[in-house]
């Protein structure tokens, strides 16, 4: 993550915002007194919040672990060709 001073950020606000939004690269902005804040796009923020929700949900994590185990052992559900065609709209 790039770090810039609050003065640099203010002077080049449009450029930094464009970079954050288009490249999904958060920027750490530091203040003279030492405090800092992070600028992140709204889409990235929402994605991070969804990830945190999943990671904090023990039941969901258990389901993911069980699914991963059956997948690696090739014991999970395998849809038929007709089901795949129906899902993909072919």
Protein backbone atom coordinates (compact mmCIF):
# COMPACT_ATOMS: atom_id res chain seq x y z
CA UNK A 1 0.00 0.00 0.00
CA UNK A 2 1.37 3.38 -1.00
CA UNK A 3 1.71 6.04 1.68
CA UNK A 4 1.38 9.77 1.02
CA UNK A 5 1.21 12.83 3.18
CA UNK A 6 -2.10 14.57 3.68
CA UNK A 7 -0.69 17.57 1.79
CA UNK A 8 0.25 15.40 -1.23
CA UNK A 9 -3.16 13.76 -1.07
CA UNK A 10 -4.97 17.10 -0.95
CA UNK A 11 -2.90 18.59 -3.78
CA UNK A 12 -3.48 15.57 -6.04
CA UNK A 13 -6.88 14.44 -4.79
CA UNK A 14 -8.39 13.63 -8.19
CA UNK A 15 -5.37 11.55 -9.26
CA UNK A 16 -5.30 9.57 -6.02
CA UNK A 17 -9.05 8.95 -6.04
CA UNK A 18 -8.92 7.78 -9.66
CA UNK A 19 -6.09 5.38 -8.76
CA UNK A 20 -7.93 4.00 -5.74
CA UNK A 21 -11.15 3.43 -7.70
CA UNK A 22 -9.68 2.18 -10.99
CA UNK A 23 -6.77 0.09 -9.69
CA UNK A 24 -8.34 -1.10 -6.42
CA UNK A 25 -5.22 0.07 -4.63
CA UNK A 26 -5.88 1.63 -1.20
CA UNK A 27 -3.72 4.55 -0.13
CA UNK A 28 -2.50 5.29 3.38
CA UNK A 29 -2.57 9.02 4.09
CA UNK A 30 -0.44 10.28 6.98
CA UNK A 31 -0.89 13.48 8.91
CA UNK A 32 1.90 15.59 10.36
CA UNK A 33 0.95 14.59 13.92
CA UNK A 34 1.37 10.94 12.99
CA UNK A 35 -2.24 9.84 12.66
CA UNK A 36 -3.11 8.09 9.42
CA UNK A 37 -6.16 7.03 7.50
CA UNK A 38 -6.77 4.77 4.54
CA UNK A 39 -8.63 5.66 1.35
CA UNK A 40 -10.35 2.67 -0.24
CA UNK A 41 -13.01 2.41 -2.93
CA UNK A 42 -16.59 1.71 -1.87
CA UNK A 43 -16.62 -1.55 -3.87
CA UNK A 44 -13.45 -2.74 -2.16
CA UNK A 45 -14.84 -1.74 1.25
CA UNK A 46 -18.03 -3.75 0.66
CA UNK A 47 -16.02 -6.76 -0.52
CA UNK A 48 -13.86 -6.60 2.61
CA UNK A 49 -16.93 -6.39 4.83
CA UNK A 50 -18.45 -9.45 3.12
CA UNK A 51 -15.19 -11.34 3.59
CA UNK A 52 -15.08 -10.46 7.29
CA UNK A 53 -18.68 -11.61 7.69
CA UNK A 54 -17.89 -14.99 6.13
CA UNK A 55 -14.72 -15.44 8.18
CA UNK A 56 -16.55 -14.62 11.43
CA UNK A 57 -19.47 -16.98 10.69
CA UNK A 58 -18.41 -20.32 12.21
CA UNK A 59 -21.28 -22.25 10.63
CA UNK A 60 -20.49 -20.96 7.17
CA UNK A 61 -16.77 -21.64 7.60
CA UNK A 62 -17.57 -25.22 8.65
CA UNK A 63 -19.68 -25.66 5.50
CA UNK A 64 -16.85 -24.29 3.35
CA UNK A 65 -14.33 -26.63 5.01
CA UNK A 66 -16.61 -29.65 4.53
CA UNK A 67 -17.21 -28.72 0.90
CA UNK A 68 -13.49 -28.29 0.31
CA UNK A 69 -12.79 -31.70 1.84
CA UNK A 70 -15.37 -33.50 -0.30
CA UNK A 71 -14.16 -31.64 -3.39
CA UNK A 72 -10.52 -32.62 -2.85
CA UNK A 73 -11.60 -36.24 -2.35
CA UNK A 74 -13.85 -36.05 -5.44
CA UNK A 75 -16.79 -37.19 -3.30
CA UNK A 76 -18.89 -34.08 -3.73
CA UNK A 77 -21.96 -33.56 -5.87
CA UNK A 78 -21.41 -33.62 -9.64
CA UNK A 79 -24.21 -32.20 -11.78
CA UNK A 80 -25.31 -34.07 -14.89
CA UNK A 81 -24.76 -32.66 -18.37
CA UNK A 82 -28.42 -31.65 -18.50
CA UNK A 83 -28.15 -29.81 -15.18
CA UNK A 84 -25.03 -27.97 -16.36
CA UNK A 85 -26.80 -26.98 -19.60
CA UNK A 86 -29.78 -25.73 -17.59
CA UNK A 87 -27.57 -23.68 -15.29
CA UNK A 88 -25.57 -22.14 -18.12
CA UNK A 89 -28.57 -21.61 -20.38
CA UNK A 90 -27.10 -23.60 -23.27
